[in-house]
Amino acid sequence: MQAPRSNPAMLSPFHLAFPVHDLAQARGFYGQTLGCPEGRSSDEWIDFNFYGHQIVAHLAPSETGAAQRNAVDGHGVPVRHFGIVLPMADWEDLAQRLRAAGTEFVIEPYIRFKGEPGEQATMFFLDPSGNAIEIKAFTDISRLFAK
């Protein structure tokens, strides 16, 4: 059985829950540094609007930590990560904003797979709890799944 094919013009929002060691730090990072509007919250979790998707930071200090890394295009890519694919101009703006905020990158913003079907801009960084985030961009979004 094949997975259903979604229509990119009508993508459904995804939901992702992840552990953090400190909700105030998560609120500052996701809300202020990344600019994600906050939704509902409690003393144990916070919803954020991550580019139209629902991500939830759950207070679970014992669940946080560094992810294993695999080699991709000469870099150690954190295996456990999440992110978003942005238009190139938005990716460039976010990279500039993160640099201005003093973000330490796991993988500095660069163009990966140059000249290949999967050519993309990418950057990796960690939130304050060590969760890895990848932000990508394609000059031509129709190449997202190109082989």
C-alpha atoms as a PDB file:
ATOM      1  CA  MET A   1       0.000   0.000   0.000  1.00  0.00           C
ATOM      2  CA  GLN A   2       1.307   3.397  -0.973  1.00  0.00           C
ATOM      3  CA  ALA A   3       1.071   6.456   1.264  1.00  0.00           C
ATOM      4  CA  PRO A   4      -1.582   8.960   0.208  1.00  0.00           C
ATOM      5  CA  ARG A   5      -0.324  11.733  -2.027  1.00  0.00           C
ATOM      6  CA  SER A   6      -1.136  15.151  -0.698  1.00  0.00           C
ATOM      7  CA  ASN A   7      -1.872  18.167  -2.814  1.00  0.00           C
ATOM      8  CA  PRO A   8       0.848  20.751  -1.959  1.00  0.00           C
ATOM      9  CA  ALA A   9      -1.685  23.535  -2.447  1.00  0.00           C
ATOM     10  CA  MET A  10      -3.861  21.957   0.269  1.00  0.00           C
ATOM     11  CA  LEU A  11      -1.439  20.627   2.864  1.00  0.00           C
ATOM     12  CA  SER A  12      -2.915  19.699   6.212  1.00  0.00           C
ATOM     13  CA  PRO A  13      -1.120  21.114   9.245  1.00  0.00           C
ATOM     14  CA  PHE A  14       1.043  18.616  11.100  1.00  0.00           C
ATOM     15  CA  HIS A  15       1.191  18.269  14.879  1.00  0.00           C
ATOM     16  CA  LEU A  16       4.453  17.601  16.690  1.00  0.00           C
ATOM     17  CA  ALA A  17       5.004  17.283  20.448  1.00  0.00           C
ATOM     18  CA  PHE A  18       8.558  17.388  21.807  1.00  0.00           C
ATOM     19  CA  PRO A  19      10.278  17.563  25.204  1.00  0.00           C
ATOM     20  CA  VAL A  20      11.854  20.653  26.734  1.00  0.00           C
ATOM     21  CA  HIS A  21      13.660  21.163  30.020  1.00  0.00           C
ATOM     22  CA  ASP A  22      12.349  24.702  30.666  1.00  0.00           C
ATOM     23  CA  LEU A  23       9.068  26.204  29.402  1.00  0.00           C
ATOM     24  CA  ALA A  24      10.195  29.819  29.863  1.00  0.00           C
ATOM     25  CA  GLN A  25      13.248  29.202  27.658  1.00  0.00           C
ATOM     26  CA  ALA A  26      11.071  27.411  25.094  1.00  0.00           C
ATOM     27  CA  ARG A  27       8.638  30.342  25.106  1.00  0.00           C
ATOM     28  CA  GLY A  28      11.494  32.788  24.494  1.00  0.00           C
ATOM     29  CA  PHE A  29      13.113  30.718  21.749  1.00  0.00           C
ATOM     30  CA  TYR A  30      10.034  29.658  19.794  1.00  0.00           C
ATOM     31  CA  GLY A  31       7.976  32.762  20.514  1.00  0.00           C
ATOM     32  CA  GLN A  32      10.589  35.497  20.270  1.00  0.00           C
ATOM     33  CA  THR A  33      13.617  34.169  18.371  1.00  0.00           C
ATOM     34  CA  LEU A  34      11.656  32.150  15.790  1.00  0.00           C
ATOM     35  CA  GLY A  35       8.572  34.395  15.906  1.00  0.00           C
ATOM     36  CA  CYS A  36       6.046  31.569  16.399  1.00  0.00           C
ATOM     37  CA  PRO A  37       2.769  32.854  17.892  1.00  0.00           C
ATOM     38  CA  GLU A  38       1.796  31.107  21.108  1.00  0.00           C
ATOM     39  CA  GLY A  39      -1.480  29.228  21.354  1.00  0.00           C
ATOM     40  CA  ARG A  40      -2.862  27.408  24.365  1.00  0.00           C
ATOM     41  CA  SER A  41      -0.607  26.546  27.284  1.00  0.00           C
ATOM     42  CA  SER A  42      -0.532  25.107  30.789  1.00  0.00           C
ATOM     43  CA  ASP A  43       2.089  24.657  33.480  1.00  0.00           C
ATOM     44  CA  GLU A  44       3.350  21.606  31.553  1.00  0.00           C
ATOM     45  CA  TRP A  45       3.131  22.519  27.846  1.00  0.00           C
ATOM     46  CA  ILE A  46       2.900  25.345  25.282  1.00  0.00           C
ATOM     47  CA  ASP A  47       1.367  25.256  21.777  1.00  0.00           C
ATOM     48  CA  PHE A  48       3.096  27.275  19.055  1.00  0.00           C
ATOM     49  CA  ASN A  49       2.055  28.145  15.519  1.00  0.00           C
ATOM     50  CA  PHE A  50       5.097  26.956  13.550  1.00  0.00           C
ATOM     51  CA  TYR A  51       4.380  28.381  10.089  1.00  0.00           C
ATOM     52  CA  GLY A  52       0.792  27.129  10.223  1.00  0.00           C
ATOM     53  CA  HIS A  53       1.631  23.842  11.956  1.00  0.00           C
ATOM     54  CA  GLN A  54       1.000  22.978  15.596  1.00  0.00           C
ATOM     55  CA  ILE A  55       4.078  22.200  17.652  1.00  0.00           C
ATOM     56  CA  VAL A  56       3.849  21.588  21.383  1.00  0.00           C
ATOM     57  CA  ALA A  57       6.709  21.991  23.842  1.00  0.00           C
ATOM     58  CA  HIS A  58       6.094  19.593  26.748  1.00  0.00           C
ATOM     59  CA  LEU A  59       7.965  19.966  30.019  1.00  0.00           C
ATOM     60  CA  ALA A  60       9.915  16.702  30.257  1.00  0.00           C
ATOM     61  CA  PRO A  61      13.518  17.418  31.306  1.00  0.00           C
ATOM     62  CA  SER A  62      14.548  13.748  31.440  1.00  0.00           C
ATOM     63  CA  GLU A  63      13.527  13.312  27.772  1.00  0.00           C
ATOM     64  CA  THR A  64      15.848  16.010  26.384  1.00  0.00           C
ATOM     65  CA  GLY A  65      19.346  15.457  25.082  1.00  0.00           C
ATOM     66  CA  ALA A  66      21.585  15.292  22.073  1.00  0.00           C
ATOM     67  CA  ALA A  67      20.540  13.319  19.005  1.00  0.00           C
ATOM     68  CA  GLN A  68      22.725  10.901  17.093  1.00  0.00           C
ATOM     69  CA  ARG A  69      24.206  12.369  13.911  1.00  0.00           C
ATOM     70  CA  ASN A  70      24.554  10.835  10.462  1.00  0.00           C
ATOM     71  CA  ALA A  71      26.781  12.041   7.632  1.00  0.00           C
ATOM     72  CA  VAL A  72      24.914  13.917   4.885  1.00  0.00           C
ATOM     73  CA  ASP A  73      26.753  16.005   2.299  1.00  0.00           C
ATOM     74  CA  GLY A  74      29.844  16.097   4.537  1.00  0.00           C
ATOM     75  CA  HIS A  75      27.996  17.273   7.660  1.00  0.00           C
ATOM     76  CA  GLY A  76      26.846  15.569  10.867  1.00  0.00           C
ATOM     77  CA  VAL A  77      23.070  15.880  10.559  1.00  0.00           C
ATOM     78  CA  PRO A  78      21.123  15.294  13.793  1.00  0.00           C
ATOM     79  CA  VAL A  79      18.982  12.216  13.171  1.00  0.00           C
ATOM     80  CA  ARG A  80      16.114  13.428  15.347  1.00  0.00           C
ATOM     81  CA  HIS A  81      15.024  16.790  14.002  1.00  0.00           C
ATOM     82  CA  PHE A  82      12.040  18.664  12.646  1.00  0.00           C
ATOM     83  CA  GLY A  83      11.639  21.776  10.572  1.00  0.00           C
ATOM     84  CA  ILE A  84       9.940  23.555   7.735  1.00  0.00           C
ATOM     85  CA  VAL A  85      10.525  24.274   4.051  1.00  0.00           C
ATOM     86  CA  LEU A  86      10.276  28.017   3.424  1.00  0.00           C
ATOM     87  CA  PRO A  87      10.388  30.187   0.321  1.00  0.00           C
ATOM     88  CA  MET A  88      14.026  31.178  -0.347  1.00  0.00           C
ATOM     89  CA  ALA A  89      13.570  34.842   0.653  1.00  0.00           C
ATOM     90  CA  ASP A  90      11.984  33.812   3.980  1.00  0.00           C
ATOM     91  CA  TRP A  91      14.809  31.310   4.576  1.00  0.00           C
ATOM     92  CA  GLU A  92      17.392  34.044   3.976  1.00  0.00           C
ATOM     93  CA  ASP A  93      15.545  36.433   6.322  1.00  0.00           C
ATOM     94  CA  LEU A  94      15.352  33.795   9.068  1.00  0.00           C
ATOM     95  CA  ALA A  95      19.044  32.918   8.684  1.00  0.00           C
ATOM     96  CA  GLN A  96      19.902  36.598   9.098  1.00  0.00           C
ATOM     97  CA  ARG A  97      17.589  36.935  12.142  1.00  0.00           C
ATOM     98  CA  LEU A  98      19.101  33.833  13.773  1.00  0.00           C
ATOM     99  CA  ARG A  99      22.643  35.109  13.187  1.00  0.00           C
ATOM    100  CA  ALA A 100      21.691  38.496  14.677  1.00  0.00           C
ATOM    101  CA  ALA A 101      20.265  36.689  17.737  1.00  0.00           C
ATOM    102  CA  GLY A 102      23.611  34.910  18.232  1.00  0.00           C
ATOM    103  CA  THR A 103      22.256  31.456  17.375  1.00  0.00           C
ATOM    104  CA  GLU A 104      24.909  28.763  17.337  1.00  0.00           C
ATOM    105  CA  PHE A 105      24.349  26.639  14.249  1.00  0.00           C
ATOM    106  CA  VAL A 106      24.896  22.874  14.174  1.00  0.00           C
ATOM    107  CA  ILE A 107      25.203  23.338  10.396  1.00  0.00           C
ATOM    108  CA  GLU A 108      25.637  26.896   9.143  1.00  0.00           C
ATOM    109  CA  PRO A 109      23.222  28.083   6.439  1.00  0.00           C
ATOM    110  CA  TYR A 110      24.419  26.853   3.027  1.00  0.00           C
ATOM    111  CA  ILE A 111      23.280  25.311  -0.273  1.00  0.00           C
ATOM    112  CA  ARG A 112      23.307  21.496  -0.164  1.00  0.00           C
ATOM    113  CA  PHE A 113      23.468  19.146  -3.182  1.00  0.00           C
ATOM    114  CA  LYS A 114      24.463  21.963  -5.580  1.00  0.00           C
ATOM    115  CA  GLY A 115      23.590  21.161  -9.166  1.00  0.00           C
ATOM    116  CA  GLU A 116      21.664  18.004  -8.220  1.00  0.00           C
ATOM    117  CA  PRO A 117      17.881  17.455  -8.379  1.00  0.00           C
ATOM    118  CA  GLY A 118      17.595  17.928  -4.591  1.00  0.00           C
ATOM    119  CA  GLU A 119      19.534  21.217  -4.434  1.00  0.00           C
ATOM    120  CA  GLN A 120      18.331  23.095  -1.360  1.00  0.00           C
ATOM    121  CA  ALA A 121      19.260  25.721   1.161  1.00  0.00           C
ATOM    122  CA  THR A 122      19.509  24.309   4.676  1.00  0.00           C
ATOM    123  CA  MET A 123      20.526  25.211   8.204  1.00  0.00           C
ATOM    124  CA  PHE A 124      20.424  23.309  11.486  1.00  0.00           C
ATOM    125  CA  PHE A 125      20.354  24.689  15.012  1.00  0.00           C
ATOM    126  CA  LEU A 126      19.245  23.556  18.457  1.00  0.00           C
ATOM    127  CA  ASP A 127      16.570  24.940  20.730  1.00  0.00           C
ATOM    128  CA  PRO A 128      17.582  25.541  24.385  1.00  0.00           C
ATOM    129  CA  SER A 129      16.643  21.918  25.246  1.00  0.00           C
ATOM    130  CA  GLY A 130      18.799  20.405  22.496  1.00  0.00           C
ATOM    131  CA  ASN A 131      16.002  19.682  20.000  1.00  0.00           C
ATOM    132  CA  ALA A 132      17.418  19.933  16.480  1.00  0.00           C
ATOM    133  CA  ILE A 133      15.593  22.077  13.930  1.00  0.00           C
ATOM    134  CA  GLU A 134      16.245  22.175  10.183  1.00  0.00           C
ATOM    135  CA  ILE A 135      14.990  25.005   8.015  1.00  0.00           C
ATOM    136  CA  LYS A 136      15.116  24.366   4.259  1.00  0.00           C
ATOM    137  CA  ALA A 137      14.321  26.260   1.066  1.00  0.00           C
ATOM    138  CA  PHE A 138      14.193  25.337  -2.587  1.00  0.00           C
ATOM    139  CA  THR A 139      14.534  27.756  -5.470  1.00  0.00           C
ATOM    140  CA  ASP A 140      11.937  25.554  -7.186  1.00  0.00           C
ATOM    141  CA  ILE A 141       9.592  23.939  -4.624  1.00  0.00           C
ATOM    142  CA  SER A 142       8.432  21.423  -7.247  1.00  0.00           C
ATOM    143  CA  ARG A 143      11.875  19.795  -6.741  1.00  0.00           C
ATOM    144  CA  LEU A 144      11.079  18.923  -3.086  1.00  0.00           C
ATOM    145  CA  PHE A 145      10.796  15.186  -3.831  1.00  0.00           C
ATOM    146  CA  ALA A 146      12.991  15.083  -6.957  1.00  0.00           C
ATOM    147  CA  LYS A 147      15.278  12.069  -7.332  1.00  0.00           C
END
